[in-house]
Amino acid sequence: MIVCVCRRISDREIARHARAGMSFDDIQFELGVATQCGNCESCARDVVAQCNAVHPVAAVEGEARSHTVQLAARISESAAWPSSPSLSAA
């Protein structure tokens, strides 16, 4: 289901990031959810809360997490920032 119409972000995409251990703020920054009109914020927060309740991320001292987060090399490569011809030429 599409949660954020402005950015076309689904509940599955939000849940995938939440299960990877990202907070709502991290997901908001990475995907851009709830950064335009804001009507989707409560629904997006609910998806994150449900994922955290079902799949809590527990870190044991000395044990590495089983996931990695791939960061964009440049801000223009991030899903949160749509590509524009002026950025790709730089």
PDB file of N, CA and C in Angstrom:
ATOM      1  N   MET A   1       0.844  -1.172   0.000  1.00  0.00           N
ATOM      2  CA  MET A   1       0.000   0.000   0.000  1.00  0.00           C
ATOM      3  C   MET A   1       0.897   1.245   0.000  1.00  0.00           C
ATOM      4  N   ILE A   2       0.535   2.229  -0.775  1.00  0.00           N
ATOM      5  CA  ILE A   2       1.271   3.487  -0.795  1.00  0.00           C
ATOM      6  C   ILE A   2       0.896   4.288   0.450  1.00  0.00           C
ATOM      7  N   VAL A   3       1.906   4.636   1.241  1.00  0.00           N
ATOM      8  CA  VAL A   3       1.699   5.432   2.453  1.00  0.00           C
ATOM      9  C   VAL A   3       1.899   6.905   2.137  1.00  0.00           C
ATOM     10  N   CYS A   4       2.999   7.225   1.480  1.00  0.00           N
ATOM     11  CA  CYS A   4       3.325   8.604   1.133  1.00  0.00           C
ATOM     12  C   CYS A   4       3.055   8.813  -0.357  1.00  0.00           C
ATOM     13  N   VAL A   5       1.975   9.503  -0.647  1.00  0.00           N
ATOM     14  CA  VAL A   5       1.600   9.750  -2.041  1.00  0.00           C
ATOM     15  C   VAL A   5       2.573  10.737  -2.689  1.00  0.00           C
ATOM     16  N   CYS A   6       3.014  11.723  -1.935  1.00  0.00           N
ATOM     17  CA  CYS A   6       3.910  12.747  -2.483  1.00  0.00           C
ATOM     18  C   CYS A   6       5.225  12.137  -2.988  1.00  0.00           C
ATOM     19  N   ARG A   7       5.767  11.184  -2.244  1.00  0.00           N
ATOM     20  CA  ARG A   7       7.050  10.558  -2.587  1.00  0.00           C
ATOM     21  C   ARG A   7       6.907   9.136  -3.128  1.00  0.00           C
ATOM     22  N   ARG A   8       5.647   8.649  -3.198  1.00  0.00           N
ATOM     23  CA  ARG A   8       5.344   7.307  -3.677  1.00  0.00           C
ATOM     24  C   ARG A   8       6.146   6.246  -2.907  1.00  0.00           C
ATOM     25  N   ILE A   9       5.935   6.226  -1.596  1.00  0.00           N
ATOM     26  CA  ILE A   9       6.637   5.299  -0.713  1.00  0.00           C
ATOM     27  C   ILE A   9       5.618   4.345  -0.110  1.00  0.00           C
ATOM     28  N   SER A  10       5.905   3.056  -0.217  1.00  0.00           N
ATOM     29  CA  SER A  10       4.973   2.041   0.257  1.00  0.00           C
ATOM     30  C   SER A  10       5.254   1.645   1.705  1.00  0.00           C
ATOM     31  N   ASP A  11       4.275   0.983   2.303  1.00  0.00           N
ATOM     32  CA  ASP A  11       4.455   0.458   3.651  1.00  0.00           C
ATOM     33  C   ASP A  11       5.538  -0.612   3.681  1.00  0.00           C
ATOM     34  N   ARG A  12       5.683  -1.354   2.612  1.00  0.00           N
ATOM     35  CA  ARG A  12       6.727  -2.387   2.543  1.00  0.00           C
ATOM     36  C   ARG A  12       8.120  -1.775   2.575  1.00  0.00           C
ATOM     37  N   GLU A  13       8.284  -0.669   1.874  1.00  0.00           N
ATOM     38  CA  GLU A  13       9.587  -0.001   1.856  1.00  0.00           C
ATOM     39  C   GLU A  13       9.921   0.572   3.238  1.00  0.00           C
ATOM     40  N   ILE A  14       8.941   1.159   3.886  1.00  0.00           N
ATOM     41  CA  ILE A  14       9.139   1.684   5.236  1.00  0.00           C
ATOM     42  C   ILE A  14       9.454   0.537   6.190  1.00  0.00           C
ATOM     43  N   ALA A  15       8.707  -0.558   6.086  1.00  0.00           N
ATOM     44  CA  ALA A  15       8.908  -1.710   6.963  1.00  0.00           C
ATOM     45  C   ALA A  15      10.287  -2.330   6.758  1.00  0.00           C
ATOM     46  N   ARG A  16      10.738  -2.396   5.520  1.00  0.00           N
ATOM     47  CA  ARG A  16      12.066  -2.965   5.238  1.00  0.00           C
ATOM     48  C   ARG A  16      13.155  -2.164   5.945  1.00  0.00           C
ATOM     49  N   HIS A  17      13.049  -0.854   5.899  1.00  0.00           N
ATOM     50  CA  HIS A  17      14.031   0.009   6.568  1.00  0.00           C
ATOM     51  C   HIS A  17      13.921  -0.112   8.087  1.00  0.00           C
ATOM     52  N   ALA A  18      12.685  -0.195   8.596  1.00  0.00           N
ATOM     53  CA  ALA A  18      12.484  -0.319  10.042  1.00  0.00           C
ATOM     54  C   ALA A  18      13.045  -1.642  10.555  1.00  0.00           C
ATOM     55  N   ARG A  19      12.835  -2.723   9.804  1.00  0.00           N
ATOM     56  CA  ARG A  19      13.374  -4.026  10.218  1.00  0.00           C
ATOM     57  C   ARG A  19      14.896  -4.064  10.148  1.00  0.00           C
ATOM     58  N   ALA A  20      15.478  -3.153   9.384  1.00  0.00           N
ATOM     59  CA  ALA A  20      16.940  -3.052   9.314  1.00  0.00           C
ATOM     60  C   ALA A  20      17.488  -2.258  10.493  1.00  0.00           C
ATOM     61  N   GLY A  21      16.598  -1.808  11.382  1.00  0.00           N
ATOM     62  CA  GLY A  21      17.032  -1.111  12.583  1.00  0.00           C
ATOM     63  C   GLY A  21      17.000   0.399  12.512  1.00  0.00           C
ATOM     64  N   MET A  22      16.424   0.947  11.444  1.00  0.00           N
ATOM     65  CA  MET A  22      16.371   2.398  11.298  1.00  0.00           C
ATOM     66  C   MET A  22      15.191   2.973  12.081  1.00  0.00           C
ATOM     67  N   SER A  23      15.394   4.132  12.691  1.00  0.00           N
ATOM     68  CA  SER A  23      14.330   4.839  13.400  1.00  0.00           C
ATOM     69  C   SER A  23      13.464   5.586  12.380  1.00  0.00           C
ATOM     70  N   PHE A  24      12.344   6.129  12.854  1.00  0.00           N
ATOM     71  CA  PHE A  24      11.494   6.906  11.951  1.00  0.00           C
ATOM     72  C   PHE A  24      12.263   8.085  11.365  1.00  0.00           C
ATOM     73  N   ASP A  25      13.031   8.778  12.199  1.00  0.00           N
ATOM     74  CA  ASP A  25      13.803   9.923  11.716  1.00  0.00           C
ATOM     75  C   ASP A  25      14.801   9.519  10.638  1.00  0.00           C
ATOM     76  N   ASP A  26      15.451   8.366  10.824  1.00  0.00           N
ATOM     77  CA  ASP A  26      16.394   7.868   9.818  1.00  0.00           C
ATOM     78  C   ASP A  26      15.672   7.555   8.508  1.00  0.00           C
ATOM     79  N   ILE A  27      14.521   6.910   8.635  1.00  0.00           N
ATOM     80  CA  ILE A  27      13.730   6.548   7.452  1.00  0.00           C
ATOM     81  C   ILE A  27      13.221   7.804   6.753  1.00  0.00           C
ATOM     82  N   GLN A  28      12.808   8.780   7.530  1.00  0.00           N
ATOM     83  CA  GLN A  28      12.328  10.041   6.959  1.00  0.00           C
ATOM     84  C   GLN A  28      13.444  10.717   6.165  1.00  0.00           C
ATOM     85  N   PHE A  29      14.647  10.713   6.707  1.00  0.00           N
ATOM     86  CA  PHE A  29      15.774  11.329   6.013  1.00  0.00           C
ATOM     87  C   PHE A  29      16.141  10.547   4.755  1.00  0.00           C
ATOM     88  N   GLU A  30      16.173   9.225   4.855  1.00  0.00           N
ATOM     89  CA  GLU A  30      16.586   8.380   3.730  1.00  0.00           C
ATOM     90  C   GLU A  30      15.569   8.360   2.596  1.00  0.00           C
ATOM     91  N   LEU A  31      14.292   8.209   2.933  1.00  0.00           N
ATOM     92  CA  LEU A  31      13.256   8.063   1.905  1.00  0.00           C
ATOM     93  C   LEU A  31      12.510   9.352   1.583  1.00  0.00           C
ATOM     94  N   GLY A  32      12.496  10.286   2.517  1.00  0.00           N
ATOM     95  CA  GLY A  32      11.750  11.518   2.301  1.00  0.00           C
ATOM     96  C   GLY A  32      10.288  11.406   2.694  1.00  0.00           C
ATOM     97  N   VAL A  33       9.921  10.321   3.381  1.00  0.00           N
ATOM     98  CA  VAL A  33       8.530  10.136   3.800  1.00  0.00           C
ATOM     99  C   VAL A  33       8.148  11.236   4.794  1.00  0.00           C
ATOM    100  N   ALA A  34       6.950  11.752   4.661  1.00  0.00           N
ATOM    101  CA  ALA A  34       6.391  12.790   5.530  1.00  0.00           C
ATOM    102  C   ALA A  34       7.196  14.080   5.505  1.00  0.00           C
ATOM    103  N   THR A  35       7.778  14.404   4.365  1.00  0.00           N
ATOM    104  CA  THR A  35       8.534  15.654   4.242  1.00  0.00           C
ATOM    105  C   THR A  35       7.848  16.666   3.322  1.00  0.00           C
ATOM    106  N   GLN A  36       6.759  16.270   2.690  1.00  0.00           N
ATOM    107  CA  GLN A  36       6.047  17.188   1.798  1.00  0.00           C
ATOM    108  C   GLN A  36       4.810  17.729   2.501  1.00  0.00           C
ATOM    109  N   CYS A  37       3.671  17.094   2.314  1.00  0.00           N
ATOM    110  CA  CYS A  37       2.422  17.599   2.909  1.00  0.00           C
ATOM    111  C   CYS A  37       2.249  17.158   4.361  1.00  0.00           C
ATOM    112  N   GLY A  38       2.874  16.043   4.739  1.00  0.00           N
ATOM    113  CA  GLY A  38       2.824  15.564   6.117  1.00  0.00           C
ATOM    114  C   GLY A  38       1.619  14.721   6.478  1.00  0.00           C
ATOM    115  N   ASN A  39       0.692  14.514   5.548  1.00  0.00           N
ATOM    116  CA  ASN A  39      -0.508  13.737   5.850  1.00  0.00           C
ATOM    117  C   ASN A  39      -0.219  12.268   6.152  1.00  0.00           C
ATOM    118  N   CYS A  40       0.920  11.749   5.720  1.00  0.00           N
ATOM    119  CA  CYS A  40       1.242  10.339   5.892  1.00  0.00           C
ATOM    120  C   CYS A  40       2.036  10.053   7.161  1.00  0.00           C
ATOM    121  N   GLU A  41       2.414  11.077   7.908  1.00  0.00           N
ATOM    122  CA  GLU A  41       3.327  10.875   9.029  1.00  0.00           C
ATOM    123  C   GLU A  41       2.807   9.885  10.063  1.00  0.00           C
ATOM    124  N   SER A  42       1.557   9.995  10.452  1.00  0.00           N
ATOM    125  CA  SER A  42       1.038   9.091  11.485  1.00  0.00           C
ATOM    126  C   SER A  42       1.008   7.646  10.989  1.00  0.00           C
ATOM    127  N   CYS A  43       0.632   7.444   9.745  1.00  0.00           N
ATOM    128  CA  CYS A  43       0.607   6.092   9.184  1.00  0.00           C
ATOM    129  C   CYS A  43       2.026   5.531   9.077  1.00  0.00           C
ATOM    130  N   ALA A  44       2.969   6.350   8.625  1.00  0.00           N
ATOM    131  CA  ALA A  44       4.358   5.912   8.507  1.00  0.00           C
ATOM    132  C   ALA A  44       4.934   5.570   9.875  1.00  0.00           C
ATOM    133  N   ARG A  45       4.635   6.382  10.875  1.00  0.00           N
ATOM    134  CA  ARG A  45       5.093   6.098  12.245  1.00  0.00           C
ATOM    135  C   ARG A  45       4.483   4.801  12.769  1.00  0.00           C
ATOM    136  N   ASP A  46       3.222   4.539  12.437  1.00  0.00           N
ATOM    137  CA  ASP A  46       2.568   3.295  12.848  1.00  0.00           C
ATOM    138  C   ASP A  46       3.262   2.080  12.236  1.00  0.00           C
ATOM    139  N   VAL A  47       3.634   2.175  10.958  1.00  0.00           N
ATOM    140  CA  VAL A  47       4.338   1.075  10.295  1.00  0.00           C
ATOM    141  C   VAL A  47       5.664   0.806  10.992  1.00  0.00           C
ATOM    142  N   VAL A  48       6.403   1.854  11.305  1.00  0.00           N
ATOM    143  CA  VAL A  48       7.694   1.709  11.994  1.00  0.00           C
ATOM    144  C   VAL A  48       7.477   1.097  13.372  1.00  0.00           C
ATOM    145  N   ALA A  49       6.479   1.559  14.106  1.00  0.00           N
ATOM    146  CA  ALA A  49       6.205   1.037  15.449  1.00  0.00           C
ATOM    147  C   ALA A  49       5.815  -0.436  15.398  1.00  0.00           C
ATOM    148  N   GLN A  50       5.010  -0.822  14.434  1.00  0.00           N
ATOM    149  CA  GLN A  50       4.617  -2.220  14.298  1.00  0.00           C
ATOM    150  C   GLN A  50       5.821  -3.096  13.989  1.00  0.00           C
ATOM    151  N   CYS A  51       6.700  -2.628  13.139  1.00  0.00           N
ATOM    152  CA  CYS A  51       7.893  -3.407  12.797  1.00  0.00           C
ATOM    153  C   CYS A  51       8.833  -3.534  13.987  1.00  0.00           C
ATOM    154  N   ASN A  52       8.968  -2.472  14.765  1.00  0.00           N
ATOM    155  CA  ASN A  52       9.837  -2.515  15.937  1.00  0.00           C
ATOM    156  C   ASN A  52       9.268  -3.433  17.002  1.00  0.00           C
ATOM    157  N   ALA A  53       7.950  -3.522  17.104  1.00  0.00           N
ATOM    158  CA  ALA A  53       7.319  -4.400  18.087  1.00  0.00           C
ATOM    159  C   ALA A  53       7.444  -5.867  17.676  1.00  0.00           C
ATOM    160  N   VAL A  54       7.365  -6.135  16.367  1.00  0.00           N
ATOM    161  CA  VAL A  54       7.433  -7.505  15.862  1.00  0.00           C
ATOM    162  C   VAL A  54       8.872  -7.983  15.743  1.00  0.00           C
ATOM    163  N   HIS A  55       9.766  -7.107  15.309  1.00  0.00           N
ATOM    164  CA  HIS A  55      11.170  -7.465  15.076  1.00  0.00           C
ATOM    165  C   HIS A  55      12.085  -6.517  15.845  1.00  0.00           C
ATOM    166  N   PRO A  56      12.148  -6.659  17.172  1.00  0.00           N
ATOM    167  CA  PRO A  56      13.040  -5.756  17.911  1.00  0.00           C
ATOM    168  C   PRO A  56      14.489  -6.027  17.560  1.00  0.00           C
ATOM    169  N   VAL A  57      15.264  -4.965  17.476  1.00  0.00           N
ATOM    170  CA  VAL A  57      16.687  -5.091  17.175  1.00  0.00           C
ATOM    171  C   VAL A  57      17.426  -5.049  18.498  1.00  0.00           C
ATOM    172  N   ALA A  58      17.985  -6.187  18.889  1.00  0.00           N
ATOM    173  CA  ALA A  58      18.724  -6.266  20.149  1.00  0.00           C
ATOM    174  C   ALA A  58      20.199  -6.436  19.819  1.00  0.00           C
ATOM    175  N   ALA A  59      21.014  -5.636  20.426  1.00  0.00           N
ATOM    176  CA  ALA A  59      22.456  -5.736  20.205  1.00  0.00           C
ATOM    177  C   ALA A  59      23.103  -6.319  21.450  1.00  0.00           C
ATOM    178  N   VAL A  60      23.800  -7.416  21.279  1.00  0.00           N
ATOM    179  CA  VAL A  60      24.543  -8.028  22.371  1.00  0.00           C
ATOM    180  C   VAL A  60      25.956  -7.479  22.296  1.00  0.00           C
ATOM    181  N   GLU A  61      26.521  -7.136  23.435  1.00  0.00           N
ATOM    182  CA  GLU A  61      27.852  -6.543  23.452  1.00  0.00           C
ATOM    183  C   GLU A  61      28.841  -7.466  22.739  1.00  0.00           C
ATOM    184  N   GLY A  62      29.581  -6.900  21.816  1.00  0.00           N
ATOM    185  CA  GLY A  62      30.579  -7.661  21.066  1.00  0.00           C
ATOM    186  C   GLY A  62      30.023  -8.395  19.858  1.00  0.00           C
ATOM    187  N   GLU A  63      28.708  -8.346  19.662  1.00  0.00           N
ATOM    188  CA  GLU A  63      28.095  -9.038  18.536  1.00  0.00           C
ATOM    189  C   GLU A  63      27.686  -8.025  17.471  1.00  0.00           C
ATOM    190  N   ALA A  64      28.088  -8.243  16.245  1.00  0.00           N
ATOM    191  CA  ALA A  64      27.761  -7.316  15.154  1.00  0.00           C
ATOM    192  C   ALA A  64      26.327  -7.543  14.706  1.00  0.00           C
ATOM    193  N   ARG A  65      25.687  -6.494  14.246  1.00  0.00           N
ATOM    194  CA  ARG A  65      24.343  -6.629  13.688  1.00  0.00           C
ATOM    195  C   ARG A  65      24.426  -7.390  12.376  1.00  0.00           C
ATOM    196  N   SER A  66      23.334  -8.068  12.040  1.00  0.00           N
ATOM    197  CA  SER A  66      23.313  -8.900  10.843  1.00  0.00           C
ATOM    198  C   SER A  66      22.935  -8.123   9.586  1.00  0.00           C
ATOM    199  N   HIS A  67      22.807  -6.820   9.666  1.00  0.00           N
ATOM    200  CA  HIS A  67      22.439  -6.035   8.493  1.00  0.00           C
ATOM    201  C   HIS A  67      23.446  -4.912   8.271  1.00  0.00           C
ATOM    202  N   THR A  68      23.463  -4.453   7.069  1.00  0.00           N
ATOM    203  CA  THR A  68      24.285  -3.295   6.745  1.00  0.00           C
ATOM    204  C   THR A  68      23.414  -2.296   6.003  1.00  0.00           C
ATOM    205  N   VAL A  69      23.718  -1.055   6.173  1.00  0.00           N
ATOM    206  CA  VAL A  69      22.990   0.003   5.477  1.00  0.00           C
ATOM    207  C   VAL A  69      23.919   0.557   4.416  1.00  0.00           C
ATOM    208  N   GLN A  70      23.471   0.531   3.175  1.00  0.00           N
ATOM    209  CA  GLN A  70      24.260   1.036   2.058  1.00  0.00           C
ATOM    210  C   GLN A  70      23.954   2.518   1.892  1.00  0.00           C
ATOM    211  N   LEU A  71      24.927   3.358   2.113  1.00  0.00           N
ATOM    212  CA  LEU A  71      24.734   4.795   1.961  1.00  0.00           C
ATOM    213  C   LEU A  71      25.057   5.216   0.531  1.00  0.00           C
ATOM    214  N   ALA A  72      24.373   6.225   0.074  1.00  0.00           N
ATOM    215  CA  ALA A  72      24.632   6.747  -1.260  1.00  0.00           C
ATOM    216  C   ALA A  72      25.982   7.454  -1.276  1.00  0.00           C
ATOM    217  N   ALA A  73      26.703   7.302  -2.359  1.00  0.00           N
ATOM    218  CA  ALA A  73      27.995   7.960  -2.498  1.00  0.00           C
ATOM    219  C   ALA A  73      27.816   9.471  -2.611  1.00  0.00           C
ATOM    220  N   ARG A  74      26.745   9.882  -3.263  1.00  0.00           N
ATOM    221  CA  ARG A  74      26.439  11.305  -3.402  1.00  0.00           C
ATOM    222  C   ARG A  74      24.980  11.506  -3.029  1.00  0.00           C
ATOM    223  N   ILE A  75      24.647  12.664  -2.560  1.00  0.00           N
ATOM    224  CA  ILE A  75      23.271  12.965  -2.153  1.00  0.00           C
ATOM    225  C   ILE A  75      22.307  12.804  -3.320  1.00  0.00           C
ATOM    226  N   SER A  76      22.750  13.036  -4.544  1.00  0.00           N
ATOM    227  CA  SER A  76      21.865  12.923  -5.702  1.00  0.00           C
ATOM    228  C   SER A  76      21.500  11.469  -5.995  1.00  0.00           C
ATOM    229  N   GLU A  77      22.216  10.496  -5.382  1.00  0.00           N
ATOM    230  CA  GLU A  77      21.905   9.088  -5.595  1.00  0.00           C
ATOM    231  C   GLU A  77      20.913   8.559  -4.571  1.00  0.00           C
ATOM    232  N   SER A  78      20.567   9.341  -3.578  1.00  0.00           N
ATOM    233  CA  SER A  78      19.657   8.908  -2.526  1.00  0.00           C
ATOM    234  C   SER A  78      18.222   8.921  -3.032  1.00  0.00           C
ATOM    235  N   ALA A  79      17.408   7.988  -2.530  1.00  0.00           N
ATOM    236  CA  ALA A  79      15.996   7.939  -2.906  1.00  0.00           C
ATOM    237  C   ALA A  79      15.242   9.162  -2.396  1.00  0.00           C
ATOM    238  N   ALA A  80      15.764   9.804  -1.363  1.00  0.00           N
ATOM    239  CA  ALA A  80      15.092  10.967  -0.798  1.00  0.00           C
ATOM    240  C   ALA A  80      15.235  12.206  -1.666  1.00  0.00           C
ATOM    241  N   TRP A  81      16.194  12.214  -2.566  1.00  0.00           N
ATOM    242  CA  TRP A  81      16.434  13.380  -3.404  1.00  0.00           C
ATOM    243  C   TRP A  81      16.282  12.982  -4.860  1.00  0.00           C
ATOM    244  N   PRO A  82      15.223  13.429  -5.517  1.00  0.00           N
ATOM    245  CA  PRO A  82      15.039  13.070  -6.927  1.00  0.00           C
ATOM    246  C   PRO A  82      16.176  13.632  -7.784  1.00  0.00           C
ATOM    247  N   SER A  83      16.563  12.853  -8.769  1.00  0.00           N
ATOM    248  CA  SER A  83      17.629  13.288  -9.678  1.00  0.00           C
ATOM    249  C   SER A  83      17.155  14.459 -10.505  1.00  0.00           C
ATOM    250  N   SER A  84      18.059  15.352 -10.764  1.00  0.00           N
ATOM    251  CA  SER A  84      17.735  16.454 -11.662  1.00  0.00           C
ATOM    252  C   SER A  84      18.923  16.630 -12.606  1.00  0.00           C
ATOM    253  N   PRO A  85      18.670  17.072 -13.816  1.00  0.00           N
ATOM    254  CA  PRO A  85      19.758  17.230 -14.794  1.00  0.00           C
ATOM    255  C   PRO A  85      20.881  18.124 -14.291  1.00  0.00           C
ATOM    256  N   SER A  86      20.549  19.143 -13.495  1.00  0.00           N
ATOM    257  CA  SER A  86      21.602  20.055 -13.020  1.00  0.00           C
ATOM    258  C   SER A  86      22.537  19.373 -12.025  1.00  0.00           C
ATOM    259  N   LEU A  87      22.022  18.412 -11.226  1.00  0.00           N
ATOM    260  CA  LEU A  87      22.864  17.700 -10.275  1.00  0.00           C
ATOM    261  C   LEU A  87      23.698  16.624 -10.945  1.00  0.00           C
ATOM    262  N   SER A  88      23.135  15.936 -11.925  1.00  0.00           N
ATOM    263  CA  SER A  88      23.888  14.849 -12.555  1.00  0.00           C
ATOM    264  C   SER A  88      25.027  15.381 -13.435  1.00  0.00           C
ATOM    265  N   ALA A  89      24.929  16.624 -13.871  1.00  0.00           N
ATOM    266  CA  ALA A  89      25.994  17.201 -14.692  1.00  0.00           C
ATOM    267  C   ALA A  89      27.180  17.641 -13.837  1.00  0.00           C
ATOM    268  N   ALA A  90      26.925  17.842 -12.541  1.00  0.00           N
ATOM    269  CA  ALA A  90      27.992  18.330 -11.632  1.00  0.00           C
ATOM    270  C   ALA A  90      28.947  17.253 -11.230  1.00  0.00           C
TER     271      ALA A  90
END
